[in-house]
Amino acid sequence: MVSVAAVDLGSGRRFERNAHAVVPAASTIKVLVSAAFWSAAERGELDPARRVRVADTPAPGGGGLLESLHPATAPCLADLDLLMLAISDNAATNVIVDAVGMPAVNALATALGLAHTRLRRRMMDTAAAARGDENTTCAADMTALLAALARGRAVPARACRRVLAGLAQTQHTDIAGRYLPLAAQRVVCSKQGELGGVRHDVALIDEGDRTVVLAVLSAPAAAPEGLAHTAALAYRRVI
């Protein structure tokens, strides 16, 4: 099944298909984690400049850079948030999750009205996943989250900017923006997720005079090529 949601934030035009189908979130949950992290930083509840030694960060596996660095390396939390968003680093994500706390992440989901999006386990916690504690989301929730970040709703404006800046540096760019029509000015802030038979991409597409948010989620995993065409189709349906 492929689920899709797209919204032009200017006109309000919307396209949805299976948009409320609940699926494992994979790494798309990291967008919500980052939003909760920067919100807490803006409230003074944690210090994004606090440093964490690599030796003190367990390596969960599943890819990333942090676990390959010298044990004495000590990036700050802000650096780890960037690693989480730009290269989907799982060890960095778990440090951020522990810093902000799962309850705070889920409280933000509730505040944003994300009925089907929940963080229930750390990254690569296979034991938690086996007992049913899975991180979940849906296409409609993901577009609502990205719209909130674009509009500064329920998330401080500076926190929104930090999250979107991290998403704009993603190294995984072969789905949401691949087949979009040419535009003179475009920034694609996106986050992919792939794990355990799912493949997703969620994106905020900023063209200066138009902002579109979209999500293409698949379970079982669709081919990146097919998802890229689906994303482009959804984009065209709302502009």
C-alpha atoms as a PDB file:
ATOM      1  CA  MET A   1       0.000   0.000   0.000  1.00  0.00           C
ATOM      2  CA  VAL A   2       1.143   3.513  -0.849  1.00  0.00           C
ATOM      3  CA  SER A   3      -0.364   6.389   1.132  1.00  0.00           C
ATOM      4  CA  VAL A   4      -0.094   9.973  -0.029  1.00  0.00           C
ATOM      5  CA  ALA A   5      -0.936  13.436   1.253  1.00  0.00           C
ATOM      6  CA  ALA A   6      -0.059  16.802  -0.275  1.00  0.00           C
ATOM      7  CA  VAL A   7      -1.150  20.335   0.586  1.00  0.00           C
ATOM      8  CA  ASP A   8      -0.414  23.698  -1.031  1.00  0.00           C
ATOM      9  CA  LEU A   9      -0.169  25.883   2.066  1.00  0.00           C
ATOM     10  CA  GLY A  10      -1.108  29.028   0.148  1.00  0.00           C
ATOM     11  CA  SER A  11      -4.248  27.897  -1.648  1.00  0.00           C
ATOM     12  CA  GLY A  12      -5.187  25.103   0.752  1.00  0.00           C
ATOM     13  CA  ARG A  13      -5.585  22.675  -2.138  1.00  0.00           C
ATOM     14  CA  ARG A  14      -5.192  19.116  -0.890  1.00  0.00           C
ATOM     15  CA  PHE A  15      -4.703  15.676  -2.383  1.00  0.00           C
ATOM     16  CA  GLU A  16      -4.930  12.501  -0.310  1.00  0.00           C
ATOM     17  CA  ARG A  17      -4.981   8.753  -0.850  1.00  0.00           C
ATOM     18  CA  ASN A  18      -4.925   6.341   2.099  1.00  0.00           C
ATOM     19  CA  ALA A  19      -3.653   9.352   4.022  1.00  0.00           C
ATOM     20  CA  HIS A  20      -4.782   8.121   7.455  1.00  0.00           C
ATOM     21  CA  ALA A  21      -3.429   4.587   7.112  1.00  0.00           C
ATOM     22  CA  VAL A  22      -1.123   3.959  10.082  1.00  0.00           C
ATOM     23  CA  VAL A  23       2.315   2.555   9.256  1.00  0.00           C
ATOM     24  CA  PRO A  24       5.668   2.148  11.016  1.00  0.00           C
ATOM     25  CA  ALA A  25       7.285   5.579  10.926  1.00  0.00           C
ATOM     26  CA  ALA A  26      10.891   4.442  10.369  1.00  0.00           C
ATOM     27  CA  SER A  27      13.145   7.507  10.268  1.00  0.00           C
ATOM     28  CA  THR A  28      10.398  10.000   9.454  1.00  0.00           C
ATOM     29  CA  ILE A  29       9.743  10.122  13.226  1.00  0.00           C
ATOM     30  CA  LYS A  30      13.021  12.043  13.492  1.00  0.00           C
ATOM     31  CA  VAL A  31      11.296  15.190  12.207  1.00  0.00           C
ATOM     32  CA  LEU A  32       9.035  15.189  15.263  1.00  0.00           C
ATOM     33  CA  VAL A  33      11.980  14.370  17.557  1.00  0.00           C
ATOM     34  CA  SER A  34      13.898  17.356  16.192  1.00  0.00           C
ATOM     35  CA  ALA A  35      10.906  19.660  16.604  1.00  0.00           C
ATOM     36  CA  ALA A  36      10.531  18.581  20.245  1.00  0.00           C
ATOM     37  CA  PHE A  37      14.271  18.983  20.819  1.00  0.00           C
ATOM     38  CA  TRP A  38      14.461  22.534  19.501  1.00  0.00           C
ATOM     39  CA  SER A  39      11.213  23.483  21.256  1.00  0.00           C
ATOM     40  CA  ALA A  40      12.737  22.354  24.558  1.00  0.00           C
ATOM     41  CA  ALA A  41      15.911  24.296  23.763  1.00  0.00           C
ATOM     42  CA  GLU A  42      13.880  27.453  23.118  1.00  0.00           C
ATOM     43  CA  ARG A  43      12.154  27.009  26.496  1.00  0.00           C
ATOM     44  CA  GLY A  44      15.557  26.702  28.196  1.00  0.00           C
ATOM     45  CA  GLU A  45      14.924  23.094  29.230  1.00  0.00           C
ATOM     46  CA  LEU A  46      18.104  21.770  27.624  1.00  0.00           C
ATOM     47  CA  ASP A  47      21.309  23.195  26.227  1.00  0.00           C
ATOM     48  CA  PRO A  48      21.935  22.417  22.537  1.00  0.00           C
ATOM     49  CA  ALA A  49      25.619  23.275  23.092  1.00  0.00           C
ATOM     50  CA  ARG A  50      26.054  20.458  25.645  1.00  0.00           C
ATOM     51  CA  ARG A  51      28.708  18.038  24.440  1.00  0.00           C
ATOM     52  CA  VAL A  52      28.445  14.259  24.446  1.00  0.00           C
ATOM     53  CA  ARG A  53      31.457  11.957  24.012  1.00  0.00           C
ATOM     54  CA  VAL A  54      31.152   9.322  21.319  1.00  0.00           C
ATOM     55  CA  ALA A  55      32.413   6.786  23.874  1.00  0.00           C
ATOM     56  CA  ASP A  56      29.260   7.435  25.897  1.00  0.00           C
ATOM     57  CA  THR A  57      26.841   6.873  22.985  1.00  0.00           C
ATOM     58  CA  PRO A  58      25.905   3.219  22.383  1.00  0.00           C
ATOM     59  CA  ALA A  59      26.025   2.143  18.738  1.00  0.00           C
ATOM     60  CA  PRO A  60      22.556   0.859  17.794  1.00  0.00           C
ATOM     61  CA  GLY A  61      23.491  -0.116  14.235  1.00  0.00           C
ATOM     62  CA  GLY A  62      21.442   0.577  11.160  1.00  0.00           C
ATOM     63  CA  GLY A  63      23.825   3.100   9.671  1.00  0.00           C
ATOM     64  CA  GLY A  64      25.232   6.439  10.636  1.00  0.00           C
ATOM     65  CA  LEU A  65      28.442   8.319  11.234  1.00  0.00           C
ATOM     66  CA  LEU A  66      28.637   8.889  14.977  1.00  0.00           C
ATOM     67  CA  GLU A  67      29.524   5.321  15.911  1.00  0.00           C
ATOM     68  CA  SER A  68      32.519   5.452  13.522  1.00  0.00           C
ATOM     69  CA  LEU A  69      34.121   8.543  15.057  1.00  0.00           C
ATOM     70  CA  HIS A  70      36.982   8.498  17.541  1.00  0.00           C
ATOM     71  CA  PRO A  71      35.653   7.701  21.042  1.00  0.00           C
ATOM     72  CA  ALA A  72      37.048  10.971  22.423  1.00  0.00           C
ATOM     73  CA  THR A  73      35.135  13.084  19.884  1.00  0.00           C
ATOM     74  CA  ALA A  74      32.507  15.194  21.652  1.00  0.00           C
ATOM     75  CA  PRO A  75      29.916  16.752  19.346  1.00  0.00           C
ATOM     76  CA  CYS A  76      27.261  18.990  20.871  1.00  0.00           C
ATOM     77  CA  LEU A  77      23.561  18.153  20.879  1.00  0.00           C
ATOM     78  CA  ALA A  78      22.935  20.599  18.023  1.00  0.00           C
ATOM     79  CA  ASP A  79      25.499  18.707  15.931  1.00  0.00           C
ATOM     80  CA  LEU A  80      23.796  15.430  16.749  1.00  0.00           C
ATOM     81  CA  ASP A  81      20.423  16.819  15.709  1.00  0.00           C
ATOM     82  CA  LEU A  82      21.941  17.743  12.346  1.00  0.00           C
ATOM     83  CA  LEU A  83      23.384  14.238  11.961  1.00  0.00           C
ATOM     84  CA  MET A  84      19.948  12.845  12.787  1.00  0.00           C
ATOM     85  CA  LEU A  85      18.247  14.863  10.049  1.00  0.00           C
ATOM     86  CA  ALA A  86      20.887  15.114   7.336  1.00  0.00           C
ATOM     87  CA  ILE A  87      22.192  11.535   7.312  1.00  0.00           C
ATOM     88  CA  SER A  88      19.599   9.818   9.547  1.00  0.00           C
ATOM     89  CA  ASP A  89      22.229   8.809  12.120  1.00  0.00           C
ATOM     90  CA  ASN A  90      20.605   6.403  14.595  1.00  0.00           C
ATOM     91  CA  ALA A  91      23.141   6.763  17.417  1.00  0.00           C
ATOM     92  CA  ALA A  92      22.781  10.552  17.247  1.00  0.00           C
ATOM     93  CA  THR A  93      18.997  10.173  17.242  1.00  0.00           C
ATOM     94  CA  ASN A  94      19.025   8.094  20.410  1.00  0.00           C
ATOM     95  CA  VAL A  95      21.086  10.745  22.205  1.00  0.00           C
ATOM     96  CA  ILE A  96      18.553  13.394  21.168  1.00  0.00           C
ATOM     97  CA  VAL A  97      15.626  11.186  22.217  1.00  0.00           C
ATOM     98  CA  ASP A  98      17.196  10.668  25.628  1.00  0.00           C
ATOM     99  CA  ALA A  99      17.932  14.391  25.985  1.00  0.00           C
ATOM    100  CA  VAL A 100      14.403  15.582  25.240  1.00  0.00           C
ATOM    101  CA  GLY A 101      12.501  12.507  26.533  1.00  0.00           C
ATOM    102  CA  MET A 102       9.840  10.435  24.794  1.00  0.00           C
ATOM    103  CA  PRO A 103       6.978  12.042  26.772  1.00  0.00           C
ATOM    104  CA  ALA A 104       7.934  15.485  25.441  1.00  0.00           C
ATOM    105  CA  VAL A 105       8.060  14.179  21.866  1.00  0.00           C
ATOM    106  CA  ASN A 106       4.611  12.617  22.186  1.00  0.00           C
ATOM    107  CA  ALA A 107       3.213  15.670  23.968  1.00  0.00           C
ATOM    108  CA  LEU A 108       4.187  17.744  20.939  1.00  0.00           C
ATOM    109  CA  ALA A 109       2.470  15.227  18.658  1.00  0.00           C
ATOM    110  CA  THR A 110      -0.689  15.642  20.726  1.00  0.00           C
ATOM    111  CA  ALA A 111      -0.426  19.441  20.684  1.00  0.00           C
ATOM    112  CA  LEU A 112      -0.155  19.356  16.881  1.00  0.00           C
ATOM    113  CA  GLY A 113      -3.132  17.013  16.531  1.00  0.00           C
ATOM    114  CA  LEU A 114      -1.052  14.157  15.132  1.00  0.00           C
ATOM    115  CA  ALA A 115      -3.426  11.403  16.165  1.00  0.00           C
ATOM    116  CA  HIS A 116      -1.449   8.504  14.695  1.00  0.00           C
ATOM    117  CA  THR A 117       2.143   9.632  15.258  1.00  0.00           C
ATOM    118  CA  ARG A 118       3.880   8.299  18.351  1.00  0.00           C
ATOM    119  CA  LEU A 119       7.443   7.625  19.482  1.00  0.00           C
ATOM    120  CA  ARG A 120       7.435   4.362  21.437  1.00  0.00           C
ATOM    121  CA  ARG A 121      11.025   3.169  21.190  1.00  0.00           C
ATOM    122  CA  ARG A 122      14.575   4.299  20.488  1.00  0.00           C
ATOM    123  CA  MET A 123      16.105   3.654  17.077  1.00  0.00           C
ATOM    124  CA  MET A 124      16.987   0.036  16.283  1.00  0.00           C
ATOM    125  CA  ASP A 125      15.457  -1.282  19.518  1.00  0.00           C
ATOM    126  CA  THR A 126      14.449  -4.612  18.019  1.00  0.00           C
ATOM    127  CA  ALA A 127      13.235  -6.023  21.337  1.00  0.00           C
ATOM    128  CA  ALA A 128      10.771  -3.150  21.733  1.00  0.00           C
ATOM    129  CA  ALA A 129       9.610  -3.541  18.140  1.00  0.00           C
ATOM    130  CA  ALA A 130       9.121  -7.304  18.652  1.00  0.00           C
ATOM    131  CA  ARG A 131       6.782  -6.699  21.578  1.00  0.00           C
ATOM    132  CA  GLY A 132       4.742  -4.224  19.527  1.00  0.00           C
ATOM    133  CA  ASP A 133       6.223  -0.929  20.712  1.00  0.00           C
ATOM    134  CA  GLU A 134       6.547   0.520  17.225  1.00  0.00           C
ATOM    135  CA  ASN A 135       6.940   4.130  16.186  1.00  0.00           C
ATOM    136  CA  THR A 136       3.995   5.010  13.972  1.00  0.00           C
ATOM    137  CA  THR A 137       2.692   7.746  11.714  1.00  0.00           C
ATOM    138  CA  CYS A 138       0.513   8.384   8.655  1.00  0.00           C
ATOM    139  CA  ALA A 139       0.757  10.602   5.590  1.00  0.00           C
ATOM    140  CA  ALA A 140      -1.822  13.091   6.878  1.00  0.00           C
ATOM    141  CA  ASP A 141       0.056  13.505  10.168  1.00  0.00           C
ATOM    142  CA  MET A 142       3.359  14.071   8.393  1.00  0.00           C
ATOM    143  CA  THR A 143       1.973  16.824   6.194  1.00  0.00           C
ATOM    144  CA  ALA A 144       0.350  18.407   9.271  1.00  0.00           C
ATOM    145  CA  LEU A 145       3.723  18.348  11.064  1.00  0.00           C
ATOM    146  CA  LEU A 146       5.537  19.938   8.132  1.00  0.00           C
ATOM    147  CA  ALA A 147       2.788  22.547   7.769  1.00  0.00           C
ATOM    148  CA  ALA A 148       3.163  23.417  11.454  1.00  0.00           C
ATOM    149  CA  LEU A 149       6.901  23.868  10.953  1.00  0.00           C
ATOM    150  CA  ALA A 150       6.287  26.101   7.951  1.00  0.00           C
ATOM    151  CA  ARG A 151       3.761  28.239   9.826  1.00  0.00           C
ATOM    152  CA  GLY A 152       5.325  28.230  13.293  1.00  0.00           C
ATOM    153  CA  ARG A 153       2.242  26.662  14.873  1.00  0.00           C
ATOM    154  CA  ALA A 154       2.723  25.061  18.321  1.00  0.00           C
ATOM    155  CA  VAL A 155       6.487  25.164  17.734  1.00  0.00           C
ATOM    156  CA  PRO A 156       8.605  28.291  18.400  1.00  0.00           C
ATOM    157  CA  ALA A 157       9.605  30.078  15.192  1.00  0.00           C
ATOM    158  CA  ARG A 158      13.332  29.685  15.809  1.00  0.00           C
ATOM    159  CA  ALA A 159      12.854  25.988  16.494  1.00  0.00           C
ATOM    160  CA  CYS A 160      10.987  25.632  13.187  1.00  0.00           C
ATOM    161  CA  ARG A 161      13.851  27.282  11.344  1.00  0.00           C
ATOM    162  CA  ARG A 162      16.399  24.950  12.937  1.00  0.00           C
ATOM    163  CA  VAL A 163      14.434  21.822  12.007  1.00  0.00           C
ATOM    164  CA  LEU A 164      13.879  22.935   8.427  1.00  0.00           C
ATOM    165  CA  ALA A 165      17.529  23.934   8.041  1.00  0.00           C
ATOM    166  CA  GLY A 166      18.543  20.428   9.069  1.00  0.00           C
ATOM    167  CA  LEU A 167      16.044  18.823   6.695  1.00  0.00           C
ATOM    168  CA  ALA A 168      17.313  21.005   3.847  1.00  0.00           C
ATOM    169  CA  GLN A 169      20.745  19.375   4.258  1.00  0.00           C
ATOM    170  CA  THR A 170      19.496  15.820   3.795  1.00  0.00           C
ATOM    171  CA  GLN A 171      21.798  13.507   1.874  1.00  0.00           C
ATOM    172  CA  HIS A 172      18.864  11.340   0.742  1.00  0.00           C
ATOM    173  CA  THR A 173      17.284  13.158  -2.194  1.00  0.00           C
ATOM    174  CA  ASP A 174      16.144  10.509  -4.662  1.00  0.00           C
ATOM    175  CA  ILE A 175      12.403  10.493  -3.929  1.00  0.00           C
ATOM    176  CA  ALA A 176      10.395  13.639  -3.088  1.00  0.00           C
ATOM    177  CA  GLY A 177      12.238  16.137  -5.269  1.00  0.00           C
ATOM    178  CA  ARG A 178      13.332  13.839  -8.073  1.00  0.00           C
ATOM    179  CA  TYR A 179      10.611  14.429 -10.677  1.00  0.00           C
ATOM    180  CA  LEU A 180       9.205  17.801  -9.671  1.00  0.00           C
ATOM    181  CA  PRO A 181       8.748  20.269 -12.543  1.00  0.00           C
ATOM    182  CA  LEU A 182      11.516  22.806 -12.994  1.00  0.00           C
ATOM    183  CA  ALA A 183      11.349  25.854 -10.725  1.00  0.00           C
ATOM    184  CA  ALA A 184      13.590  28.914 -10.672  1.00  0.00           C
ATOM    185  CA  GLN A 185      13.797  28.859  -6.886  1.00  0.00           C
ATOM    186  CA  ARG A 186      13.246  25.737  -4.841  1.00  0.00           C
ATOM    187  CA  VAL A 187      14.383  24.376  -1.486  1.00  0.00           C
ATOM    188  CA  VAL A 188      13.352  20.828  -0.608  1.00  0.00           C
ATOM    189  CA  CYS A 189      13.413  20.004   3.112  1.00  0.00           C
ATOM    190  CA  SER A 190      12.871  16.262   3.338  1.00  0.00           C
ATOM    191  CA  LYS A 191      13.299  13.143   5.443  1.00  0.00           C
ATOM    192  CA  GLN A 192      13.253   9.589   4.221  1.00  0.00           C
ATOM    193  CA  GLY A 193      12.613   6.466   6.229  1.00  0.00           C
ATOM    194  CA  GLU A 194      13.357   2.868   5.345  1.00  0.00           C
ATOM    195  CA  LEU A 195      13.231  -0.068   7.755  1.00  0.00           C
ATOM    196  CA  GLY A 196      11.569  -3.429   8.117  1.00  0.00           C
ATOM    197  CA  GLY A 197       9.625  -3.442   4.873  1.00  0.00           C
ATOM    198  CA  VAL A 198       8.601   0.223   4.684  1.00  0.00           C
ATOM    199  CA  ARG A 199       9.957   3.104   2.606  1.00  0.00           C
ATOM    200  CA  HIS A 200       8.810   6.704   3.033  1.00  0.00           C
ATOM    201  CA  ASP A 201       9.652  10.283   2.156  1.00  0.00           C
ATOM    202  CA  VAL A 202       8.151  13.453   3.603  1.00  0.00           C
ATOM    203  CA  ALA A 203       9.007  16.900   2.295  1.00  0.00           C
ATOM    204  CA  LEU A 204       8.394  20.616   2.510  1.00  0.00           C
ATOM    205  CA  ILE A 205       8.922  22.206  -0.910  1.00  0.00           C
ATOM    206  CA  ASP A 206       9.582  25.954  -0.702  1.00  0.00           C
ATOM    207  CA  GLU A 207       9.526  27.800  -4.017  1.00  0.00           C
ATOM    208  CA  GLY A 208       9.396  31.334  -2.643  1.00  0.00           C
ATOM    209  CA  ASP A 209       5.900  32.118  -3.891  1.00  0.00           C
ATOM    210  CA  ARG A 210       4.533  28.658  -3.113  1.00  0.00           C
ATOM    211  CA  THR A 211       5.021  26.126  -0.307  1.00  0.00           C
ATOM    212  CA  VAL A 212       3.825  22.553  -0.678  1.00  0.00           C
ATOM    213  CA  VAL A 213       4.073  19.821   1.951  1.00  0.00           C
ATOM    214  CA  LEU A 214       3.791  16.210   0.919  1.00  0.00           C
ATOM    215  CA  ALA A 215       4.248  12.699   2.230  1.00  0.00           C
ATOM    216  CA  VAL A 216       4.533   9.434   0.337  1.00  0.00           C
ATOM    217  CA  LEU A 217       4.577   6.365   2.602  1.00  0.00           C
ATOM    218  CA  SER A 218       4.697   2.725   1.558  1.00  0.00           C
ATOM    219  CA  ALA A 219       4.215  -0.550   3.413  1.00  0.00           C
ATOM    220  CA  PRO A 220       5.440  -2.924   2.110  1.00  0.00           C
ATOM    221  CA  ALA A 221       8.242  -0.844   0.676  1.00  0.00           C
ATOM    222  CA  ALA A 222       7.663   0.523  -2.806  1.00  0.00           C
ATOM    223  CA  ALA A 223      10.587   1.163  -5.151  1.00  0.00           C
ATOM    224  CA  PRO A 224      12.133   4.643  -4.846  1.00  0.00           C
ATOM    225  CA  GLU A 225      11.389   5.273  -8.535  1.00  0.00           C
ATOM    226  CA  GLY A 226       7.697   4.613  -8.055  1.00  0.00           C
ATOM    227  CA  LEU A 227       7.504   6.746  -4.926  1.00  0.00           C
ATOM    228  CA  ALA A 228       9.279   9.582  -6.744  1.00  0.00           C
ATOM    229  CA  HIS A 229       6.674   9.531  -9.524  1.00  0.00           C
ATOM    230  CA  THR A 230       3.892   9.399  -6.915  1.00  0.00           C
ATOM    231  CA  ALA A 231       5.352  12.425  -5.128  1.00  0.00           C
ATOM    232  CA  ALA A 232       5.508  14.388  -8.380  1.00  0.00           C
ATOM    233  CA  LEU A 233       1.920  13.444  -9.208  1.00  0.00           C
ATOM    234  CA  ALA A 234       0.696  14.541  -5.767  1.00  0.00           C
ATOM    235  CA  TYR A 235       2.572  17.828  -6.143  1.00  0.00           C
ATOM    236  CA  ARG A 236       0.929  18.512  -9.517  1.00  0.00           C
ATOM    237  CA  ARG A 237      -2.518  17.738  -8.108  1.00  0.00           C
ATOM    238  CA  VAL A 238      -2.314  20.607  -5.595  1.00  0.00           C
ATOM    239  CA  ILE A 239      -0.528  23.397  -7.467  1.00  0.00           C
END
